[in-house]
N, C-alpha and C. Protein backbone atom coordinates (compact mmCIF):
# COMPACT_ATOMS: atom_id res chain seq x y z
N MET A 1 151.67 123.03 -62.57
CA MET A 1 150.79 122.09 -62.25
C MET A 1 151.28 121.07 -61.35
N ASN A 2 150.39 120.61 -60.34
CA ASN A 2 150.94 119.69 -59.28
C ASN A 2 150.08 118.41 -59.62
N LYS A 3 150.56 117.30 -59.37
CA LYS A 3 149.90 116.04 -59.58
C LYS A 3 150.36 115.10 -58.36
N GLY A 4 149.57 113.96 -58.27
CA GLY A 4 149.69 113.11 -57.24
C GLY A 4 148.55 112.07 -57.22
N LYS A 5 148.53 111.47 -56.15
CA LYS A 5 147.51 110.33 -55.93
C LYS A 5 146.70 110.78 -54.76
N TYR A 6 145.33 110.19 -54.65
CA TYR A 6 144.36 110.53 -53.60
C TYR A 6 143.61 109.22 -53.21
N ILE A 7 143.04 109.45 -52.02
CA ILE A 7 142.02 108.59 -51.48
C ILE A 7 140.98 109.35 -50.91
N ILE A 8 139.79 109.18 -51.04
CA ILE A 8 138.76 109.90 -50.48
C ILE A 8 137.93 108.98 -49.49
N PHE A 9 137.95 109.26 -48.28
CA PHE A 9 137.47 108.32 -47.13
C PHE A 9 136.02 108.93 -46.72
N ASN A 10 135.16 107.92 -46.57
CA ASN A 10 133.62 108.26 -46.09
C ASN A 10 133.78 108.26 -44.55
N PRO A 11 132.77 108.64 -43.99
CA PRO A 11 131.64 109.35 -44.23
C PRO A 11 131.72 110.80 -44.79
N TYR A 12 132.84 111.51 -44.55
CA TYR A 12 132.84 112.91 -44.73
C TYR A 12 133.44 113.32 -46.03
N ASN A 13 133.72 112.42 -46.91
CA ASN A 13 134.35 112.76 -48.12
C ASN A 13 135.57 113.58 -47.98
N LYS A 14 136.43 113.22 -47.10
CA LYS A 14 137.80 113.75 -46.68
C LYS A 14 138.87 113.25 -47.57
N PRO A 15 139.36 114.00 -48.56
CA PRO A 15 140.48 113.45 -49.39
C PRO A 15 141.87 113.51 -48.69
N LEU A 16 142.61 112.61 -49.22
CA LEU A 16 144.06 112.44 -48.52
C LEU A 16 144.89 112.46 -49.86
N LEU A 17 145.63 113.44 -50.08
CA LEU A 17 146.48 113.67 -51.18
C LEU A 17 148.06 113.33 -50.75
N PHE A 18 148.71 112.43 -51.67
CA PHE A 18 149.98 112.05 -51.57
C PHE A 18 150.85 111.93 -52.79
N ASN A 19 152.09 111.90 -52.61
CA ASN A 19 153.09 111.78 -53.78
C ASN A 19 152.88 110.41 -54.71
N GLU A 20 153.12 110.39 -55.92
CA GLU A 20 153.01 109.37 -56.64
C GLU A 20 153.98 108.23 -56.34
N PHE A 21 154.98 108.56 -55.60
CA PHE A 21 155.92 107.45 -55.29
C PHE A 21 155.45 106.44 -54.19
N PHE A 22 154.31 106.72 -53.55
CA PHE A 22 153.75 105.91 -52.63
C PHE A 22 152.53 104.97 -53.41
N GLU A 23 152.30 103.99 -52.73
CA GLU A 23 151.07 103.20 -53.25
C GLU A 23 149.78 103.44 -52.31
N HIS A 24 148.71 103.39 -52.96
CA HIS A 24 147.29 103.73 -52.26
C HIS A 24 147.25 103.01 -51.06
N LYS A 25 147.65 101.69 -50.94
CA LYS A 25 147.55 100.78 -49.96
C LYS A 25 148.40 101.20 -48.68
N ASP A 26 149.36 102.10 -48.96
CA ASP A 26 150.18 102.53 -47.95
C ASP A 26 149.32 103.51 -46.91
N PHE A 27 148.38 103.96 -47.49
CA PHE A 27 147.53 104.84 -46.62
C PHE A 27 146.22 104.48 -46.25
N LYS A 28 145.94 103.18 -46.40
CA LYS A 28 144.81 102.62 -45.99
C LYS A 28 144.54 102.73 -44.49
N ASN A 29 143.34 103.05 -43.93
CA ASN A 29 143.25 103.09 -42.52
C ASN A 29 141.83 102.32 -42.27
N GLN A 30 141.33 102.63 -41.18
CA GLN A 30 140.03 101.79 -40.91
C GLN A 30 138.76 102.40 -41.40
N ASP A 31 138.90 103.77 -41.98
CA ASP A 31 137.61 104.26 -42.57
C ASP A 31 137.31 103.61 -43.73
N GLU A 32 136.09 103.72 -44.24
CA GLU A 32 135.63 103.25 -45.46
C GLU A 32 136.13 104.21 -46.53
N ILE A 33 136.53 103.51 -47.76
CA ILE A 33 136.98 104.33 -48.84
C ILE A 33 136.09 104.43 -49.75
N LYS A 34 135.72 105.75 -50.22
CA LYS A 34 134.77 105.99 -51.25
C LYS A 34 135.30 105.86 -52.61
N SER A 35 136.55 106.40 -52.78
CA SER A 35 137.21 106.32 -54.11
C SER A 35 138.65 106.67 -53.90
N ALA A 36 139.34 106.29 -55.20
CA ALA A 36 140.92 106.49 -55.11
C ALA A 36 141.27 106.61 -56.56
N GLY A 37 142.38 107.37 -56.87
CA GLY A 37 142.93 107.47 -58.24
C GLY A 37 144.12 108.50 -58.11
N PHE A 38 144.08 109.14 -59.28
CA PHE A 38 145.14 110.25 -59.58
C PHE A 38 144.53 111.56 -59.79
N PHE A 39 145.32 112.58 -59.47
CA PHE A 39 144.83 113.88 -59.71
C PHE A 39 145.92 114.85 -60.18
N TRP A 40 145.44 115.90 -60.73
CA TRP A 40 146.35 117.06 -61.00
C TRP A 40 145.60 118.32 -60.94
N VAL A 41 146.39 119.31 -60.49
CA VAL A 41 145.92 120.73 -60.17
C VAL A 41 146.52 121.77 -61.22
N SER A 42 145.93 122.48 -61.83
CA SER A 42 146.43 123.45 -62.60
C SER A 42 145.68 124.84 -62.62
N ASP A 43 146.49 125.78 -62.89
CA ASP A 43 145.88 127.17 -62.90
C ASP A 43 145.02 127.33 -64.05
N ASP A 44 143.77 127.88 -63.95
CA ASP A 44 142.78 128.07 -64.95
C ASP A 44 141.88 129.10 -64.73
N LYS A 45 142.11 130.36 -65.39
CA LYS A 45 141.32 131.52 -65.15
C LYS A 45 139.90 131.38 -65.45
N ASN A 46 139.64 130.47 -66.19
CA ASN A 46 138.06 130.25 -66.56
C ASN A 46 137.37 129.42 -65.61
N GLU A 47 138.12 128.84 -64.56
CA GLU A 47 137.48 127.98 -63.51
C GLU A 47 137.20 128.88 -62.22
N PRO A 48 136.15 128.48 -61.48
CA PRO A 48 135.92 129.27 -60.28
C PRO A 48 137.08 129.03 -59.40
N TYR A 49 137.48 130.31 -58.86
CA TYR A 49 138.67 130.53 -57.98
C TYR A 49 140.06 130.26 -58.53
N GLY A 50 140.16 130.15 -59.86
CA GLY A 50 141.25 130.15 -60.67
C GLY A 50 142.02 128.77 -60.79
N ILE A 51 141.50 127.69 -60.28
CA ILE A 51 142.10 126.44 -60.28
C ILE A 51 141.37 125.41 -61.04
N LYS A 52 141.98 124.54 -61.52
CA LYS A 52 141.14 123.27 -62.05
C LYS A 52 141.80 121.92 -61.43
N VAL A 53 140.86 121.12 -60.96
CA VAL A 53 141.31 119.85 -60.34
C VAL A 53 140.67 118.88 -61.30
N THR A 54 141.73 117.96 -61.66
CA THR A 54 141.26 116.81 -62.62
C THR A 54 141.60 115.52 -62.00
N CYS A 55 140.57 114.51 -61.84
CA CYS A 55 140.80 113.31 -61.29
C CYS A 55 140.53 112.14 -62.30
N TYR A 56 141.16 111.06 -62.17
CA TYR A 56 141.15 109.99 -63.08
C TYR A 56 141.81 108.75 -62.57
N GLY A 57 141.35 107.70 -63.12
CA GLY A 57 142.06 106.32 -62.89
C GLY A 57 141.52 105.58 -61.82
N GLU A 58 142.34 104.58 -61.11
CA GLU A 58 141.88 104.00 -60.07
C GLU A 58 143.02 103.28 -59.27
N SER A 59 142.71 102.98 -58.10
CA SER A 59 143.85 102.39 -57.25
C SER A 59 143.80 100.84 -57.46
N ILE A 60 144.86 100.37 -58.13
CA ILE A 60 144.86 98.80 -58.39
C ILE A 60 145.04 98.13 -56.85
N SER A 61 145.86 98.83 -56.10
CA SER A 61 146.32 98.20 -54.85
C SER A 61 145.21 98.04 -53.88
N LEU A 62 144.08 98.91 -53.96
CA LEU A 62 143.13 98.93 -53.12
C LEU A 62 141.88 98.39 -53.76
N GLY A 63 141.81 98.28 -55.05
CA GLY A 63 140.59 97.73 -56.01
C GLY A 63 139.55 98.85 -55.87
N VAL A 64 139.83 100.13 -55.99
CA VAL A 64 138.92 101.14 -55.87
C VAL A 64 139.00 102.14 -57.06
N LYS A 65 137.88 102.37 -57.62
CA LYS A 65 137.95 103.45 -58.91
C LYS A 65 137.77 104.87 -58.40
N SER A 66 138.19 105.73 -59.25
CA SER A 66 137.79 107.25 -59.03
C SER A 66 136.43 107.44 -59.39
N ILE A 67 135.79 108.66 -58.88
CA ILE A 67 134.65 109.19 -59.33
C ILE A 67 135.05 110.58 -59.72
N PRO A 68 135.47 110.75 -60.99
CA PRO A 68 136.35 111.94 -61.34
C PRO A 68 135.62 113.30 -61.05
N GLU A 69 134.36 113.44 -61.46
CA GLU A 69 133.88 114.89 -61.28
C GLU A 69 133.68 115.14 -59.77
N ASP A 70 133.08 114.08 -59.06
CA ASP A 70 132.70 114.33 -57.54
C ASP A 70 134.02 114.42 -56.74
N ASP A 71 135.11 113.56 -57.03
CA ASP A 71 136.39 113.74 -56.25
C ASP A 71 137.05 114.96 -56.66
N ALA A 72 136.96 115.42 -57.88
CA ALA A 72 137.57 116.84 -58.18
C ALA A 72 137.00 117.96 -57.27
N LYS A 73 135.59 117.87 -57.10
CA LYS A 73 135.10 118.96 -56.17
C LYS A 73 135.44 118.69 -54.76
N ASP A 74 135.58 117.39 -54.25
CA ASP A 74 135.97 117.32 -52.88
C ASP A 74 137.50 117.72 -52.72
N ILE A 75 138.46 117.45 -53.59
CA ILE A 75 139.77 117.95 -53.60
C ILE A 75 139.92 119.51 -53.61
N LYS A 76 139.23 120.11 -54.62
CA LYS A 76 139.26 121.50 -54.77
C LYS A 76 138.61 122.07 -53.52
N ALA A 77 137.62 121.73 -52.90
CA ALA A 77 136.95 122.34 -51.71
C ALA A 77 138.06 122.15 -50.53
N MET A 78 138.72 121.14 -50.36
CA MET A 78 139.86 120.84 -49.41
C MET A 78 140.87 121.89 -49.72
N LEU A 79 141.42 121.89 -50.80
CA LEU A 79 142.56 122.85 -51.24
C LEU A 79 142.13 124.26 -50.96
N LEU A 80 140.87 124.80 -51.17
CA LEU A 80 140.51 126.23 -51.16
C LEU A 80 139.95 126.37 -49.64
N ASN A 81 139.66 125.43 -48.89
CA ASN A 81 139.11 125.33 -47.49
C ASN A 81 137.91 126.08 -47.58
N ILE A 82 136.89 125.62 -48.47
CA ILE A 82 135.56 126.07 -48.45
C ILE A 82 134.73 124.93 -48.59
N PRO A 83 133.39 124.96 -48.42
CA PRO A 83 132.47 123.94 -48.42
C PRO A 83 132.10 123.53 -49.87
N LYS A 84 132.08 122.21 -50.06
CA LYS A 84 131.95 121.69 -51.42
C LYS A 84 130.81 122.29 -52.13
N GLY A 85 129.67 122.50 -51.31
CA GLY A 85 128.41 123.01 -52.01
C GLY A 85 128.52 124.42 -52.74
N ILE A 86 129.65 125.22 -52.56
CA ILE A 86 129.82 126.35 -52.94
C ILE A 86 130.47 126.17 -54.41
N LEU A 87 130.99 125.09 -54.74
CA LEU A 87 131.77 124.95 -56.02
C LEU A 87 130.69 124.66 -57.10
């Protein structure tokens, strides 16, 4: 299992994944932030493509909450390099 923190930027729903030792605010840029929180990725043969992404929580330093189901799809699509609509 891999875990960390993430920020998803608008307008393209681009995820940025990073280590838990950093704060969300360390990665803030000029783009609009859609959501932020924590994630983990695990092997799951019952999931499409054999991996499961779980998102939860919020970024206190940015004042932004996660959107768990939608964020998980954005991250999974990025990790697999496939369009989100396929998931």
